[in-house]
Amino acid sequence: MTPRTAQTTDASVVFAQCPRPMRGRSRGARSRNLPWLLSHVSPTAMLNRSLAGVVATAIVLGGFGMASASPRRATAASVAKTRSMRWLSSIENESAPPARLASHVPLAVVRHGRVQQFGKEACKQWGPVGSRWISVDMFGEPIRTAKVAARDYYDYSKCFELALKRNPDAREVGLFVSANSGYRPPSSARWEPSTEALASFARFMDQVHASLGKAERTDDKGLLPLSRRSIFFEVKRPAGEAPVHFAVGGGRVCVVARWAPGGHWEQVYIERGYLENGPTNACLPRAVLDMDGDGVPEVVYYGTEREWWGYNVARLGADGVHWTRASQGHFGSTA
């Protein structure tokens, strides 16, 4: 029995005018005309004109004061559209002993309120020594701020790898956002599935792996426990509508599935890019968080083909059900 699908997205195939100043007459010339002015204009008229000028000036200045005291309030949507931020991911070789410093490379950039693929300049321009980056957990909550300690150019990938001090905090997932980006922690997308939904997802992932056939390259390690290779989350809908529940599961492939009406899991995205040469746990989810401030979380997952590895980002499509890859992070390699 193969898992139910809903036109699955396959990632492997696949942002009043002010008066002008008097000209041509010096201050001295205007002063010499003062006797004539006093002899031709009555004191009462001068007083009335002075009072009128004071009132007019007060009105103008008051208008400016009100304008500056009551600026247009920025909505959450306008803030998201103007926000620009950079995201880094770890390229630590998980099969090697941990070092004091961990290497990081560009993962994605947010422009015009949308997470997208970074440009060619990222590998050279991002992360000067001393720049600050915020580590976030699985659901986007900040953990700490780290400084770039060194930049090492890697000839094979043609990218500078940014060295950040390692932190033993178990909440870290190798995901950093630029500290000067104005990043605001999103509401957690965590969803606690029912016992029924959890058991159903375990069966669903078993069916996914059974449908893949025999691996060409095997290792001695079996699949990790489902709790270590899955994240359950929800996507909020407009007021009055129930949230949509999803899960992302890993193993030889990464799959996003929706808890569909009727109580079954429906595959809506699959990453097969690591299937041919990857190990048993080639693709693993790392985080589900709103990276671009639009109120909808993205899915971040790790993949490896043994000799190289890296992170990817998937985002929800316009239909609110299917997912597509938004960005492929730069990679690490043993080459």
Protein backbone atom coordinates (compact mmCIF):
# COMPACT_ATOMS: atom_id res chain seq x y z
CA MET A 1 0.00 0.00 0.00
CA THR A 2 1.44 3.36 -1.01
CA PRO A 3 0.82 6.57 0.94
CA ARG A 4 -2.03 8.79 -0.20
CA THR A 5 -0.88 11.83 -2.12
CA ALA A 6 -2.48 15.09 -3.15
CA GLN A 7 -0.56 16.01 -6.31
CA THR A 8 2.67 15.79 -4.36
CA THR A 9 5.33 18.42 -4.95
CA ASP A 10 8.63 16.67 -5.61
CA ALA A 11 11.53 18.90 -4.58
CA SER A 12 14.05 16.95 -6.60
CA VAL A 13 12.24 18.05 -9.81
CA VAL A 14 11.63 21.17 -9.02
CA PHE A 15 9.71 38.75 -2.77
CA ALA A 16 -0.02 75.90 2.29
CA GLN A 17 3.32 76.78 0.48
CA CYS A 18 5.88 78.59 2.57
CA PRO A 19 6.60 82.22 1.44
CA ARG A 20 9.80 82.70 -0.48
CA PRO A 21 12.57 84.72 1.18
CA MET A 22 12.97 88.37 0.16
CA ARG A 23 15.60 88.75 -2.53
CA GLY A 24 17.63 91.76 -3.73
CA ARG A 25 17.28 93.78 -0.53
CA SER A 26 19.74 93.60 2.32
CA ARG A 27 18.91 93.71 6.01
CA GLY A 28 20.26 97.32 6.09
CA ALA A 29 17.92 98.42 3.29
CA ARG A 30 14.93 97.05 5.13
CA SER A 31 16.04 98.85 8.34
CA ARG A 32 16.29 102.23 6.53
CA ASN A 33 12.62 101.97 5.54
CA LEU A 34 11.48 101.64 9.18
CA PRO A 35 10.81 105.46 9.68
CA TRP A 36 8.63 105.53 6.57
CA LEU A 37 6.73 102.49 7.81
CA LEU A 38 6.07 104.07 11.21
CA SER A 39 4.78 107.30 9.63
CA HIS A 40 2.37 105.63 7.18
CA VAL A 41 0.98 102.70 9.15
CA SER A 42 -1.02 103.11 12.35
CA PRO A 43 0.12 101.31 15.50
CA THR A 44 -3.25 99.51 15.68
CA ALA A 45 -2.86 98.11 12.16
CA MET A 46 0.68 97.03 12.92
CA LEU A 47 -0.50 95.28 16.08
CA ASN A 48 -3.33 93.49 14.23
CA ARG A 49 -0.95 92.34 11.54
CA SER A 50 1.54 91.13 14.12
CA LEU A 51 -1.12 89.15 15.97
CA ALA A 52 -2.34 87.66 12.72
CA GLY A 53 1.21 86.62 11.88
CA VAL A 54 1.67 85.01 15.28
CA VAL A 55 -1.58 83.07 14.93
CA ALA A 56 -0.69 81.92 11.41
CA THR A 57 2.75 80.83 12.54
CA ALA A 58 1.28 78.91 15.46
CA ILE A 59 -1.16 77.12 13.15
CA VAL A 60 1.61 76.13 10.73
CA LEU A 61 3.94 74.98 13.48
CA GLY A 62 1.13 73.18 15.23
CA GLY A 63 0.33 71.32 12.02
CA PHE A 64 3.92 70.18 11.72
CA GLY A 65 3.90 69.14 15.38
CA MET A 66 0.76 67.06 14.94
CA ALA A 67 2.19 65.39 11.86
CA SER A 68 5.39 64.42 13.59
CA ALA A 69 3.64 63.39 16.80
CA SER A 70 1.18 61.09 14.98
CA PRO A 71 3.13 59.10 12.39
CA ARG A 72 1.38 56.46 10.31
CA ARG A 73 1.52 53.24 12.25
CA ALA A 74 3.26 50.40 10.41
CA THR A 75 1.16 47.27 10.16
CA ALA A 76 2.61 43.81 10.59
CA ALA A 77 2.26 43.26 6.84
CA SER A 78 4.15 46.46 5.97
CA VAL A 79 6.91 45.55 8.41
CA ALA A 80 7.23 42.12 6.83
CA LYS A 81 7.42 43.59 3.33
CA THR A 82 10.24 45.98 4.24
CA ARG A 83 12.16 43.47 6.36
CA SER A 84 15.35 42.12 4.85
CA MET A 85 17.35 39.44 6.60
CA ARG A 86 19.96 36.80 6.01
CA TRP A 87 19.88 33.22 7.25
CA LEU A 88 22.83 30.92 7.85
CA SER A 89 22.88 27.17 8.33
CA SER A 90 25.45 24.88 9.82
CA ILE A 91 27.57 22.65 7.58
CA GLU A 92 29.06 20.71 10.42
CA ASN A 93 29.92 17.16 9.50
CA GLU A 94 27.71 15.26 11.92
CA SER A 95 29.81 12.11 11.61
CA ALA A 96 32.97 13.94 12.77
CA PRO A 97 33.91 14.79 16.38
CA PRO A 98 32.58 18.21 17.42
CA ALA A 99 35.02 21.13 17.27
CA ARG A 100 35.13 24.38 19.27
CA LEU A 101 34.01 26.38 16.23
CA ALA A 102 31.33 25.30 13.77
CA SER A 103 31.20 26.38 10.12
CA HIS A 104 28.15 28.09 8.63
CA VAL A 105 27.15 29.17 5.11
CA PRO A 106 24.26 31.07 3.45
CA LEU A 107 20.89 29.33 3.59
CA ALA A 108 18.32 31.90 2.44
CA VAL A 109 17.56 35.60 2.22
CA VAL A 110 14.31 37.45 2.91
CA ARG A 111 13.48 40.23 0.45
CA HIS A 112 10.16 42.06 0.12
CA GLY A 113 8.67 39.90 2.85
CA ARG A 114 9.44 36.58 1.14
CA VAL A 115 12.07 33.96 1.81
CA GLN A 116 14.04 33.13 -1.32
CA GLN A 117 17.28 31.84 -2.77
CA PHE A 118 20.34 33.94 -1.89
CA GLY A 119 22.41 35.52 -4.65
CA LYS A 120 25.92 34.71 -5.87
CA GLU A 121 27.38 37.55 -3.80
CA ALA A 122 26.33 35.94 -0.51
CA CYS A 123 29.29 33.59 -0.26
CA LYS A 124 31.72 36.51 -0.46
CA GLN A 125 29.89 39.35 1.27
CA TRP A 126 27.98 37.79 4.13
CA GLY A 127 29.34 37.58 7.65
CA PRO A 128 32.44 39.75 8.08
CA VAL A 129 34.51 38.90 11.12
CA GLY A 130 32.81 40.34 14.20
CA SER A 131 29.30 40.36 12.69
CA ARG A 132 26.58 39.11 15.02
CA TRP A 133 24.12 36.32 14.36
CA ILE A 134 21.19 35.02 16.43
CA SER A 135 20.79 31.29 16.95
CA VAL A 136 17.14 30.16 16.96
CA ASP A 137 15.55 26.92 18.06
CA MET A 138 13.23 24.55 16.23
CA PHE A 139 10.31 26.99 16.30
CA GLY A 140 12.21 30.27 15.92
CA GLU A 141 12.81 31.29 19.54
CA PRO A 142 16.18 33.05 20.00
CA ILE A 143 18.78 31.16 22.04
CA ARG A 144 21.91 33.29 21.92
CA THR A 145 23.92 35.76 19.83
CA ALA A 146 27.24 34.68 18.34
CA LYS A 147 30.00 36.59 16.56
CA VAL A 148 31.82 35.44 13.45
CA ALA A 149 35.30 34.48 14.68
CA ALA A 150 36.84 33.69 11.31
CA ARG A 151 36.12 33.35 7.58
CA ASP A 152 37.68 30.45 5.71
CA TYR A 153 37.50 30.25 1.93
CA TYR A 154 36.78 26.75 0.65
CA ASP A 155 38.06 26.26 -2.91
CA TYR A 156 35.79 23.34 -3.73
CA SER A 157 32.54 25.14 -2.86
CA LYS A 158 33.90 28.61 -3.72
CA CYS A 159 32.36 30.00 -0.57
CA PHE A 160 33.55 31.56 2.67
CA GLU A 161 32.64 29.41 5.64
CA LEU A 162 31.82 31.46 8.74
CA ALA A 163 33.14 30.12 12.03
CA LEU A 164 30.82 30.59 14.99
CA LYS A 165 31.50 29.41 18.51
CA ARG A 166 29.76 26.18 19.32
CA ASN A 167 27.14 26.10 22.08
CA PRO A 168 26.29 22.83 23.87
CA ASP A 169 22.63 23.90 24.23
CA ALA A 170 20.56 21.00 22.94
CA ARG A 171 17.95 23.40 21.56
CA GLU A 172 20.31 24.61 18.82
CA VAL A 173 19.53 23.35 15.32
CA GLY A 174 22.32 25.04 13.33
CA LEU A 175 20.13 27.93 12.20
CA PHE A 176 21.18 31.61 12.54
CA VAL A 177 19.62 34.91 11.46
CA SER A 178 21.48 38.22 11.08
CA ALA A 179 21.29 40.21 14.31
CA ASN A 180 20.78 43.55 12.52
CA SER A 181 17.79 42.33 10.52
CA GLY A 182 15.07 43.25 13.00
CA TYR A 183 14.08 39.63 13.43
CA ARG A 184 11.10 39.13 15.73
CA PRO A 185 10.40 35.68 17.19
CA PRO A 186 7.27 34.26 15.56
CA SER A 187 4.42 32.55 17.32
CA SER A 188 5.28 28.89 17.75
CA ALA A 189 3.86 26.64 15.04
CA ARG A 190 4.09 23.58 17.30
CA TRP A 191 1.17 21.17 17.16
CA GLU A 192 0.66 18.29 19.58
CA PRO A 193 -1.03 15.52 17.58
CA SER A 194 -3.49 13.12 19.11
CA THR A 195 -2.45 9.56 19.86
CA GLU A 196 -4.43 8.47 16.84
CA ALA A 197 -2.72 10.97 14.52
CA LEU A 198 0.72 10.07 15.87
CA ALA A 199 0.21 6.34 15.37
CA SER A 200 -1.19 6.99 11.92
CA PHE A 201 1.88 9.04 10.98
CA ALA A 202 4.19 6.22 12.07
CA ARG A 203 2.35 3.86 9.72
CA PHE A 204 2.40 6.49 6.99
CA MET A 205 6.19 6.89 7.20
CA ASP A 206 6.64 3.11 7.15
CA GLN A 207 4.64 3.04 3.92
CA VAL A 208 6.70 5.86 2.44
CA HIS A 209 9.95 3.99 3.03
CA ALA A 210 8.51 0.69 1.83
CA SER A 211 7.57 2.37 -1.46
CA LEU A 212 11.16 3.50 -2.09
CA GLY A 213 12.52 0.07 -2.79
CA LYS A 214 15.88 -1.27 -1.70
CA ALA A 215 18.68 1.25 -1.11
CA GLU A 216 21.66 0.96 -3.45
CA ARG A 217 24.04 2.00 -0.71
CA THR A 218 23.34 0.86 2.81
CA ASP A 219 24.87 1.46 6.21
CA ASP A 220 24.65 -0.36 9.49
CA LYS A 221 22.38 2.24 11.03
CA GLY A 222 18.64 1.83 10.93
CA LEU A 223 16.11 4.64 10.87
CA LEU A 224 16.19 6.95 13.85
CA PRO A 225 13.20 6.83 16.20
CA LEU A 226 10.30 8.73 14.71
CA SER A 227 10.47 11.31 17.53
CA ARG A 228 13.97 12.30 16.30
CA ARG A 229 13.03 12.60 12.64
CA SER A 230 9.64 14.31 12.69
CA ILE A 231 8.09 17.68 13.59
CA PHE A 232 4.36 18.28 13.93
CA PHE A 233 3.08 21.79 13.27
CA GLU A 234 0.10 23.86 12.23
CA VAL A 235 -0.58 26.76 9.87
CA LYS A 236 -3.02 29.39 11.06
CA ARG A 237 -5.93 30.32 8.82
CA PRO A 238 -8.08 33.49 8.65
CA ALA A 239 -10.27 34.20 11.64
CA GLY A 240 -13.06 31.69 11.99
CA GLU A 241 -11.24 28.92 10.10
CA ALA A 242 -9.55 25.95 11.72
CA PRO A 243 -5.76 25.69 11.40
CA VAL A 244 -4.27 23.19 8.95
CA HIS A 245 -2.16 20.49 10.59
CA PHE A 246 1.04 19.15 9.05
CA ALA A 247 3.97 16.91 9.86
CA VAL A 248 7.42 16.71 8.31
CA GLY A 249 9.14 13.37 8.55
CA GLY A 250 12.61 12.23 7.55
CA GLY A 251 14.68 9.18 6.78
CA ARG A 252 15.86 8.23 3.31
CA VAL A 253 13.62 11.07 2.07
CA CYS A 254 11.90 14.06 3.67
CA VAL A 255 8.12 14.22 3.42
CA VAL A 256 5.59 16.89 4.39
CA ALA A 257 2.13 15.47 5.00
CA ARG A 258 -1.21 17.06 5.85
CA TRP A 259 -3.63 15.66 8.41
CA ALA A 260 -6.50 15.63 5.96
CA PRO A 261 -10.25 15.71 6.61
CA GLY A 262 -11.37 12.21 7.43
CA GLY A 263 -8.38 11.53 9.67
CA HIS A 264 -5.57 10.35 7.40
CA TRP A 265 -2.17 11.62 6.29
CA GLU A 266 -1.81 13.02 2.79
CA GLN A 267 1.62 13.53 1.22
CA VAL A 268 2.02 17.09 -0.11
CA TYR A 269 5.80 17.39 -0.57
CA ILE A 270 8.74 15.02 -0.93
CA GLU A 271 12.50 15.56 -1.13
CA ARG A 272 14.16 12.69 -3.01
CA GLY A 273 17.44 14.47 -3.74
CA TYR A 274 19.43 12.37 -1.27
CA LEU A 275 17.83 9.03 -2.04
CA GLU A 276 20.36 7.57 -4.48
CA ASN A 277 23.59 8.03 -2.53
CA GLY A 278 22.44 9.01 0.92
CA PRO A 279 22.57 6.95 4.11
CA THR A 280 19.52 5.57 5.90
CA ASN A 281 18.89 8.89 7.66
CA ALA A 282 19.82 11.05 4.66
CA CYS A 283 17.13 13.69 5.16
CA LEU A 284 16.03 15.04 8.54
CA PRO A 285 13.78 17.98 9.54
CA ARG A 286 15.51 20.67 11.59
CA ALA A 287 13.01 23.48 12.17
CA VAL A 288 9.55 24.84 11.39
CA LEU A 289 9.38 28.61 11.81
CA ASP A 290 8.17 31.77 10.13
CA MET A 291 11.38 33.04 8.53
CA ASP A 292 9.96 36.02 6.64
CA GLY A 293 7.31 37.44 8.97
CA ASP A 294 4.27 36.66 6.80
CA GLY A 295 2.56 34.56 9.46
CA VAL A 296 3.16 31.24 7.68
CA PRO A 297 5.99 28.94 8.80
CA GLU A 298 8.67 27.51 6.54
CA VAL A 299 10.16 24.02 6.89
CA VAL A 300 13.95 23.69 7.22
CA TYR A 301 15.53 20.28 6.66
CA TYR A 302 19.00 18.77 6.45
CA GLY A 303 20.17 16.41 3.74
CA THR A 304 23.34 14.50 3.01
CA GLU A 305 24.78 12.30 0.26
CA ARG A 306 27.66 11.22 2.51
CA GLU A 307 30.38 13.26 0.75
CA TRP A 308 28.40 16.52 0.93
CA TRP A 309 25.54 17.90 2.98
CA GLY A 310 23.49 21.04 3.61
CA TYR A 311 20.16 22.60 4.59
CA ASN A 312 17.10 23.46 2.50
CA VAL A 313 13.96 25.54 2.99
CA ALA A 314 10.45 24.62 1.82
CA ARG A 315 7.49 26.99 1.85
CA LEU A 316 3.74 26.60 1.60
CA GLY A 317 2.15 27.21 -1.79
CA ALA A 318 -0.68 29.57 -2.59
CA ASP A 319 -3.25 26.80 -2.24
CA GLY A 320 -2.44 26.44 1.46
CA VAL A 321 -1.79 22.70 1.10
CA HIS A 322 1.19 21.89 -1.13
CA TRP A 323 4.79 22.84 -0.49
CA THR A 324 7.73 23.75 -2.71
CA ARG A 325 11.43 24.36 -2.17
CA ALA A 326 12.15 28.04 -1.52
CA SER A 327 15.92 27.93 -1.13
CA GLN A 328 18.78 25.47 -1.23
CA GLY A 329 21.53 26.31 1.21
CA HIS A 330 25.20 26.19 0.34
CA PHE A 331 26.84 22.89 1.14
CA GLY A 332 29.65 21.38 3.11
CA SER A 333 31.84 18.62 1.73
CA THR A 334 34.67 16.26 2.50
CA ALA A 335 36.14 16.80 -0.98
